[in-house]
């Protein structure tokens, strides 16, 4: 994925069986809220980049006008 790409949230394998949404954390770069918000699977977002990790373990996204992050396996390109 490249910055600016549209993506959708997908449940990780561990959470898929639980039937819960995808948690987005708002604590980007050590600032902001620590409590995540759960979004339904399939919610669209804009991929912004990675938090400096070699494998992009924590991609950050723009969702509902806010910058948050999810785990790499919880994003899929649209």
PDB file of N, CA and C in Angstrom:
ATOM      1  N   UNK A   1       0.837  -1.186   0.000  1.00  0.00           N
ATOM      2  CA  UNK A   1       0.000   0.000   0.000  1.00  0.00           C
ATOM      3  C   UNK A   1       0.879   1.245   0.000  1.00  0.00           C
ATOM      4  N   UNK A   2       0.389   2.255  -0.667  1.00  0.00           N
ATOM      5  CA  UNK A   2       1.077   3.538  -0.740  1.00  0.00           C
ATOM      6  C   UNK A   2       0.248   4.592  -0.005  1.00  0.00           C
ATOM      7  N   UNK A   3       0.905   5.603   0.574  1.00  0.00           N
ATOM      8  CA  UNK A   3       0.140   6.668   1.220  1.00  0.00           C
ATOM      9  C   UNK A   3      -0.903   7.248   0.262  1.00  0.00           C
ATOM     10  N   UNK A   4      -2.111   7.422   0.757  1.00  0.00           N
ATOM     11  CA  UNK A   4      -3.217   7.935  -0.040  1.00  0.00           C
ATOM     12  C   UNK A   4      -4.136   6.848  -0.576  1.00  0.00           C
ATOM     13  N   UNK A   5      -3.711   5.578  -0.502  1.00  0.00           N
ATOM     14  CA  UNK A   5      -4.551   4.479  -0.979  1.00  0.00           C
ATOM     15  C   UNK A   5      -5.780   4.292  -0.089  1.00  0.00           C
ATOM     16  N   UNK A   6      -6.897   3.944  -0.711  1.00  0.00           N
ATOM     17  CA  UNK A   6      -8.083   3.583   0.048  1.00  0.00           C
ATOM     18  C   UNK A   6      -7.941   2.153   0.531  1.00  0.00           C
ATOM     19  N   UNK A   7      -8.311   1.931   1.779  1.00  0.00           N
ATOM     20  CA  UNK A   7      -8.237   0.610   2.392  1.00  0.00           C
ATOM     21  C   UNK A   7      -9.538   0.339   3.129  1.00  0.00           C
ATOM     22  N   UNK A   8      -9.718  -0.912   3.538  1.00  0.00           N
ATOM     23  CA  UNK A   8     -10.859  -1.243   4.384  1.00  0.00           C
ATOM     24  C   UNK A   8     -10.346  -2.024   5.578  1.00  0.00           C
ATOM     25  N   UNK A   9     -11.072  -1.907   6.677  1.00  0.00           N
ATOM     26  CA  UNK A   9     -10.721  -2.622   7.884  1.00  0.00           C
ATOM     27  C   UNK A   9     -11.209  -4.060   7.785  1.00  0.00           C
ATOM     28  N   UNK A  10     -10.382  -4.987   8.200  1.00  0.00           N
ATOM     29  CA  UNK A  10     -10.757  -6.403   8.223  1.00  0.00           C
ATOM     30  C   UNK A  10     -10.391  -6.972   9.591  1.00  0.00           C
ATOM     31  N   UNK A  11     -11.182  -7.931  10.047  1.00  0.00           N
ATOM     32  CA  UNK A  11     -10.897  -8.574  11.328  1.00  0.00           C
ATOM     33  C   UNK A  11      -9.676  -9.456  11.212  1.00  0.00           C
ATOM     34  N   UNK A  12      -8.832  -9.393  12.240  1.00  0.00           N
ATOM     35  CA  UNK A  12      -7.710 -10.328  12.283  1.00  0.00           C
ATOM     36  C   UNK A  12      -8.268 -11.716  12.593  1.00  0.00           C
ATOM     37  N   UNK A  13      -7.503 -12.729  12.319  1.00  0.00           N
ATOM     38  CA  UNK A  13      -7.985 -14.103  12.509  1.00  0.00           C
ATOM     39  C   UNK A  13      -8.412 -14.373  13.943  1.00  0.00           C
ATOM     40  N   UNK A  14      -7.702 -13.809  14.909  1.00  0.00           N
ATOM     41  CA  UNK A  14      -8.033 -14.043  16.316  1.00  0.00           C
ATOM     42  C   UNK A  14      -9.397 -13.459  16.672  1.00  0.00           C
ATOM     43  N   UNK A  15      -9.740 -12.324  16.103  1.00  0.00           N
ATOM     44  CA  UNK A  15     -10.986 -11.649  16.457  1.00  0.00           C
ATOM     45  C   UNK A  15     -12.155 -12.076  15.579  1.00  0.00           C
ATOM     46  N   UNK A  16     -11.873 -12.685  14.448  1.00  0.00           N
ATOM     47  CA  UNK A  16     -12.921 -13.070  13.521  1.00  0.00           C
ATOM     48  C   UNK A  16     -13.943 -13.975  14.194  1.00  0.00           C
ATOM     49  N   UNK A  17     -13.476 -14.929  14.964  1.00  0.00           N
ATOM     50  CA  UNK A  17     -14.393 -15.863  15.619  1.00  0.00           C
ATOM     51  C   UNK A  17     -15.183 -15.206  16.751  1.00  0.00           C
ATOM     52  N   UNK A  18     -14.701 -14.069  17.248  1.00  0.00           N
ATOM     53  CA  UNK A  18     -15.398 -13.374  18.332  1.00  0.00           C
ATOM     54  C   UNK A  18     -16.526 -12.483  17.816  1.00  0.00           C
ATOM     55  N   UNK A  19     -16.524 -12.179  16.515  1.00  0.00           N
ATOM     56  CA  UNK A  19     -17.574 -11.357  15.929  1.00  0.00           C
ATOM     57  C   UNK A  19     -17.548  -9.905  16.356  1.00  0.00           C
ATOM     58  N   UNK A  20     -16.369  -9.407  16.712  1.00  0.00           N
ATOM     59  CA  UNK A  20     -16.265  -8.000  17.107  1.00  0.00           C
ATOM     60  C   UNK A  20     -15.650  -7.195  15.980  1.00  0.00           C
ATOM     61  N   UNK A  21     -15.738  -5.890  16.091  1.00  0.00           N
ATOM     62  CA  UNK A  21     -15.192  -5.018  15.054  1.00  0.00           C
ATOM     63  C   UNK A  21     -13.684  -4.911  15.132  1.00  0.00           C
ATOM     64  N   UNK A  22     -13.154  -3.965  14.368  1.00  0.00           N
ATOM     65  CA  UNK A  22     -11.712  -3.718  14.313  1.00  0.00           C
ATOM     66  C   UNK A  22     -11.404  -2.516  15.200  1.00  0.00           C
ATOM     67  N   UNK A  23     -10.466  -2.689  16.124  1.00  0.00           N
ATOM     68  CA  UNK A  23     -10.101  -1.618  17.050  1.00  0.00           C
ATOM     69  C   UNK A  23      -9.105  -0.675  16.395  1.00  0.00           C
ATOM     70  N   UNK A  24      -9.408   0.622  16.424  1.00  0.00           N
ATOM     71  CA  UNK A  24      -8.494   1.653  15.931  1.00  0.00           C
ATOM     72  C   UNK A  24      -8.019   2.446  17.136  1.00  0.00           C
ATOM     73  N   UNK A  25      -6.712   2.525  17.304  1.00  0.00           N
ATOM     74  CA  UNK A  25      -6.129   3.280  18.415  1.00  0.00           C
ATOM     75  C   UNK A  25      -5.844   4.702  17.961  1.00  0.00           C
ATOM     76  N   UNK A  26      -6.104   5.639  18.837  1.00  0.00           N
ATOM     77  CA  UNK A  26      -5.887   7.053  18.515  1.00  0.00           C
ATOM     78  C   UNK A  26      -4.575   7.570  19.077  1.00  0.00           C
ATOM     79  N   UNK A  27      -3.794   6.729  19.711  1.00  0.00           N
ATOM     80  CA  UNK A  27      -2.527   7.135  20.307  1.00  0.00           C
ATOM     81  C   UNK A  27      -1.416   7.039  19.259  1.00  0.00           C
ATOM     82  N   UNK A  28      -1.368   7.995  18.356  1.00  0.00           N
ATOM     83  CA  UNK A  28      -0.384   8.009  17.275  1.00  0.00           C
ATOM     84  C   UNK A  28       0.827   8.826  17.715  1.00  0.00           C
ATOM     85  N   UNK A  29       2.004   8.262  17.536  1.00  0.00           N
ATOM     86  CA  UNK A  29       3.260   8.927  17.918  1.00  0.00           C
ATOM     87  C   UNK A  29       3.284   9.294  19.399  1.00  0.00           C
ATOM     88  N   UNK A  30       2.626   8.481  20.237  1.00  0.00           N
ATOM     89  CA  UNK A  30       2.656   8.706  21.678  1.00  0.00           C
ATOM     90  C   UNK A  30       1.786   9.836  22.158  1.00  0.00           C
ATOM     91  N   UNK A  31       0.936  10.369  21.286  1.00  0.00           N
ATOM     92  CA  UNK A  31       0.048  11.470  21.674  1.00  0.00           C
ATOM     93  C   UNK A  31      -1.395  11.057  21.445  1.00  0.00           C
ATOM     94  N   UNK A  32      -2.284  11.685  22.133  1.00  0.00           N
ATOM     95  CA  UNK A  32      -3.699  11.449  21.911  1.00  0.00           C
ATOM     96  C   UNK A  32      -4.291  10.435  22.869  1.00  0.00           C
ATOM     97  N   UNK A  33      -5.504  10.017  22.564  1.00  0.00           N
ATOM     98  CA  UNK A  33      -6.244   9.097  23.402  1.00  0.00           C
ATOM     99  C   UNK A  33      -5.612   7.716  23.379  1.00  0.00           C
ATOM    100  N   UNK A  34      -5.769   7.003  24.473  1.00  0.00           N
ATOM    101  CA  UNK A  34      -5.258   5.642  24.537  1.00  0.00           C
ATOM    102  C   UNK A  34      -6.366   4.625  24.312  1.00  0.00           C
ATOM    103  N   UNK A  35      -7.605   5.007  24.512  1.00  0.00           N
ATOM    104  CA  UNK A  35      -8.723   4.079  24.354  1.00  0.00           C
ATOM    105  C   UNK A  35      -9.076   3.926  22.883  1.00  0.00           C
ATOM    106  N   UNK A  36      -9.048   2.686  22.365  1.00  0.00           N
ATOM    107  CA  UNK A  36      -9.404   2.476  20.959  1.00  0.00           C
ATOM    108  C   UNK A  36     -10.900   2.562  20.726  1.00  0.00           C
ATOM    109  N   UNK A  37     -11.282   2.757  19.481  1.00  0.00           N
ATOM    110  CA  UNK A  37     -12.672   2.744  19.052  1.00  0.00           C
ATOM    111  C   UNK A  37     -12.847   1.560  18.121  1.00  0.00           C
ATOM    112  N   UNK A  38     -13.942   0.833  18.254  1.00  0.00           N
ATOM    113  CA  UNK A  38     -14.208  -0.315  17.398  1.00  0.00           C
ATOM    114  C   UNK A  38     -15.044   0.119  16.200  1.00  0.00           C
ATOM    115  N   UNK A  39     -14.598  -0.290  15.001  1.00  0.00           N
ATOM    116  CA  UNK A  39     -15.318  -0.005  13.763  1.00  0.00           C
ATOM    117  C   UNK A  39     -15.738  -1.326  13.128  1.00  0.00           C
ATOM    118  N   UNK A  40     -16.873  -1.342  12.418  1.00  0.00           N
ATOM    119  CA  UNK A  40     -17.297  -2.567  11.749  1.00  0.00           C
ATOM    120  C   UNK A  40     -16.311  -2.984  10.654  1.00  0.00           C
ATOM    121  N   UNK A  41     -16.185  -4.268  10.461  1.00  0.00           N
ATOM    122  CA  UNK A  41     -15.356  -4.769   9.375  1.00  0.00           C
ATOM    123  C   UNK A  41     -15.880  -4.206   8.056  1.00  0.00           C
ATOM    124  N   UNK A  42     -14.968  -3.808   7.177  1.00  0.00           N
ATOM    125  CA  UNK A  42     -15.343  -3.241   5.885  1.00  0.00           C
ATOM    126  C   UNK A  42     -15.377  -1.726   5.866  1.00  0.00           C
ATOM    127  N   UNK A  43     -15.208  -1.078   7.026  1.00  0.00           N
ATOM    128  CA  UNK A  43     -15.186   0.382   7.079  1.00  0.00           C
ATOM    129  C   UNK A  43     -14.009   0.905   6.255  1.00  0.00           C
ATOM    130  N   UNK A  44     -14.259   1.903   5.417  1.00  0.00           N
ATOM    131  CA  UNK A  44     -13.219   2.477   4.561  1.00  0.00           C
ATOM    132  C   UNK A  44     -12.363   3.473   5.329  1.00  0.00           C
ATOM    133  N   UNK A  45     -11.092   3.576   4.920  1.00  0.00           N
ATOM    134  CA  UNK A  45     -10.141   4.516   5.506  1.00  0.00           C
ATOM    135  C   UNK A  45      -9.115   4.862   4.438  1.00  0.00           C
ATOM    136  N   UNK A  46      -8.251   5.835   4.735  1.00  0.00           N
ATOM    137  CA  UNK A  46      -7.152   6.209   3.848  1.00  0.00           C
ATOM    138  C   UNK A  46      -5.851   5.811   4.531  1.00  0.00           C
ATOM    139  N   UNK A  47      -5.033   5.043   3.833  1.00  0.00           N
ATOM    140  CA  UNK A  47      -3.727   4.640   4.354  1.00  0.00           C
ATOM    141  C   UNK A  47      -2.794   5.843   4.306  1.00  0.00           C
ATOM    142  N   UNK A  48      -2.159   6.165   5.436  1.00  0.00           N
ATOM    143  CA  UNK A  48      -1.269   7.323   5.500  1.00  0.00           C
ATOM    144  C   UNK A  48       0.204   6.949   5.522  1.00  0.00           C
ATOM    145  N   UNK A  49       0.526   5.786   6.029  1.00  0.00           N
ATOM    146  CA  UNK A  49       1.922   5.382   6.124  1.00  0.00           C
ATOM    147  C   UNK A  49       2.124   4.457   7.303  1.00  0.00           C
ATOM    148  N   UNK A  50       3.400   4.315   7.694  1.00  0.00           N
ATOM    149  CA  UNK A  50       3.755   3.412   8.785  1.00  0.00           C
ATOM    150  C   UNK A  50       4.416   4.196   9.906  1.00  0.00           C
ATOM    151  N   UNK A  51       4.378   3.620  11.075  1.00  0.00           N
ATOM    152  CA  UNK A  51       4.972   4.282  12.235  1.00  0.00           C
ATOM    153  C   UNK A  51       6.467   3.982  12.353  1.00  0.00           C
ATOM    154  N   UNK A  52       7.166   3.948  11.230  1.00  0.00           N
ATOM    155  CA  UNK A  52       8.614   3.825  11.224  1.00  0.00           C
ATOM    156  C   UNK A  52       9.152   2.424  11.414  1.00  0.00           C
ATOM    157  N   UNK A  53       8.318   1.412  11.353  1.00  0.00           N
ATOM    158  CA  UNK A  53       8.795   0.050  11.519  1.00  0.00           C
ATOM    159  C   UNK A  53       9.167  -0.539  10.170  1.00  0.00           C
ATOM    160  N   UNK A  54      10.135  -1.441  10.168  1.00  0.00           N
ATOM    161  CA  UNK A  54      10.630  -2.015   8.919  1.00  0.00           C
ATOM    162  C   UNK A  54       9.533  -2.743   8.146  1.00  0.00           C
ATOM    163  N   UNK A  55       8.654  -3.469   8.834  1.00  0.00           N
ATOM    164  CA  UNK A  55       7.611  -4.242   8.173  1.00  0.00           C
ATOM    165  C   UNK A  55       6.274  -3.512   8.153  1.00  0.00           C
ATOM    166  N   UNK A  56       6.213  -2.311   8.627  1.00  0.00           N
ATOM    167  CA  UNK A  56       4.958  -1.573   8.734  1.00  0.00           C
ATOM    168  C   UNK A  56       4.015  -2.284   9.694  1.00  0.00           C
ATOM    169  N   UNK A  57       4.523  -2.641  10.847  1.00  0.00           N
ATOM    170  CA  UNK A  57       3.723  -3.341  11.846  1.00  0.00           C
ATOM    171  C   UNK A  57       2.559  -2.525  12.369  1.00  0.00           C
ATOM    172  N   UNK A  58       2.643  -1.227  12.332  1.00  0.00           N
ATOM    173  CA  UNK A  58       1.570  -0.366  12.814  1.00  0.00           C
ATOM    174  C   UNK A  58       1.248   0.707  11.784  1.00  0.00           C
ATOM    175  N   UNK A  59       0.470   0.370  10.754  1.00  0.00           N
ATOM    176  CA  UNK A  59       0.102   1.378   9.772  1.00  0.00           C
ATOM    177  C   UNK A  59      -0.857   2.403  10.369  1.00  0.00           C
ATOM    178  N   UNK A  60      -0.693   3.644   9.987  1.00  0.00           N
ATOM    179  CA  UNK A  60      -1.644   4.637  10.448  1.00  0.00           C
ATOM    180  C   UNK A  60      -2.567   5.026   9.308  1.00  0.00           C
ATOM    181  N   UNK A  61      -3.784   5.390   9.701  1.00  0.00           N
ATOM    182  CA  UNK A  61      -4.870   5.618   8.742  1.00  0.00           C
ATOM    183  C   UNK A  61      -5.642   6.872   9.109  1.00  0.00           C
ATOM    184  N   UNK A  62      -6.340   7.409   8.122  1.00  0.00           N
ATOM    185  CA  UNK A  62      -7.290   8.495   8.344  1.00  0.00           C
ATOM    186  C   UNK A  62      -8.669   7.866   8.262  1.00  0.00           C
ATOM    187  N   UNK A  63      -9.424   7.981   9.349  1.00  0.00           N
ATOM    188  CA  UNK A  63     -10.746   7.377   9.406  1.00  0.00           C
ATOM    189  C   UNK A  63     -11.678   8.325  10.152  1.00  0.00           C
ATOM    190  N   UNK A  64     -12.784   8.639   9.522  1.00  0.00           N
ATOM    191  CA  UNK A  64     -13.757   9.585  10.087  1.00  0.00           C
ATOM    192  C   UNK A  64     -13.106  10.885  10.536  1.00  0.00           C
ATOM    193  N   UNK A  65     -12.150  11.375   9.740  1.00  0.00           N
ATOM    194  CA  UNK A  65     -11.515  12.664  10.004  1.00  0.00           C
ATOM    195  C   UNK A  65     -10.456  12.656  11.086  1.00  0.00           C
ATOM    196  N   UNK A  66     -10.061  11.481  11.561  1.00  0.00           N
ATOM    197  CA  UNK A  66      -9.058  11.373  12.624  1.00  0.00           C
ATOM    198  C   UNK A  66      -7.949  10.425  12.187  1.00  0.00           C
ATOM    199  N   UNK A  67      -6.747  10.637  12.730  1.00  0.00           N
ATOM    200  CA  UNK A  67      -5.625   9.747  12.456  1.00  0.00           C
ATOM    201  C   UNK A  67      -5.528   8.729  13.578  1.00  0.00           C
ATOM    202  N   UNK A  68      -5.513   7.456  13.195  1.00  0.00           N
ATOM    203  CA  UNK A  68      -5.375   6.363  14.150  1.00  0.00           C
ATOM    204  C   UNK A  68      -4.497   5.286  13.558  1.00  0.00           C
ATOM    205  N   UNK A  69      -4.306   4.200  14.297  1.00  0.00           N
ATOM    206  CA  UNK A  69      -3.518   3.094  13.768  1.00  0.00           C
ATOM    207  C   UNK A  69      -4.180   1.768  14.091  1.00  0.00           C
ATOM    208  N   UNK A  70      -3.850   0.775  13.270  1.00  0.00           N
ATOM    209  CA  UNK A  70      -4.338  -0.586  13.437  1.00  0.00           C
ATOM    210  C   UNK A  70      -3.159  -1.526  13.207  1.00  0.00           C
ATOM    211  N   UNK A  71      -3.356  -2.806  13.403  1.00  0.00           N
ATOM    212  CA  UNK A  71      -2.331  -3.793  13.075  1.00  0.00           C
ATOM    213  C   UNK A  71      -2.329  -4.017  11.571  1.00  0.00           C
ATOM    214  N   UNK A  72      -1.184  -4.363  11.029  1.00  0.00           N
ATOM    215  CA  UNK A  72      -1.015  -4.545   9.588  1.00  0.00           C
ATOM    216  C   UNK A  72      -2.028  -5.528   9.002  1.00  0.00           C
ATOM    217  N   UNK A  73      -2.313  -6.609   9.706  1.00  0.00           N
ATOM    218  CA  UNK A  73      -3.235  -7.626   9.187  1.00  0.00           C
ATOM    219  C   UNK A  73      -4.701  -7.182   9.231  1.00  0.00           C
ATOM    220  N   UNK A  74      -4.973  -6.008   9.769  1.00  0.00           N
ATOM    221  CA  UNK A  74      -6.346  -5.514   9.837  1.00  0.00           C
ATOM    222  C   UNK A  74      -6.677  -4.528   8.724  1.00  0.00           C
ATOM    223  N   UNK A  75      -5.795  -4.402   7.733  1.00  0.00           N
ATOM    224  CA  UNK A  75      -6.038  -3.535   6.569  1.00  0.00           C
ATOM    225  C   UNK A  75      -5.985  -4.353   5.291  1.00  0.00           C
ATOM    226  N   UNK A  76      -6.832  -3.987   4.371  1.00  0.00           N
ATOM    227  CA  UNK A  76      -6.837  -4.612   3.050  1.00  0.00           C
ATOM    228  C   UNK A  76      -7.097  -3.514   2.021  1.00  0.00           C
ATOM    229  N   UNK A  77      -6.364  -3.552   0.914  1.00  0.00           N
ATOM    230  CA  UNK A  77      -6.544  -2.538  -0.134  1.00  0.00           C
ATOM    231  C   UNK A  77      -7.932  -2.660  -0.765  1.00  0.00           C
ATOM    232  N   UNK A  78      -8.502  -1.524  -1.163  1.00  0.00           N
ATOM    233  CA  UNK A  78      -9.784  -1.515  -1.865  1.00  0.00           C
ATOM    234  C   UNK A  78      -9.552  -1.560  -3.358  1.00  0.00           C
TER     235      UNK A  78
END
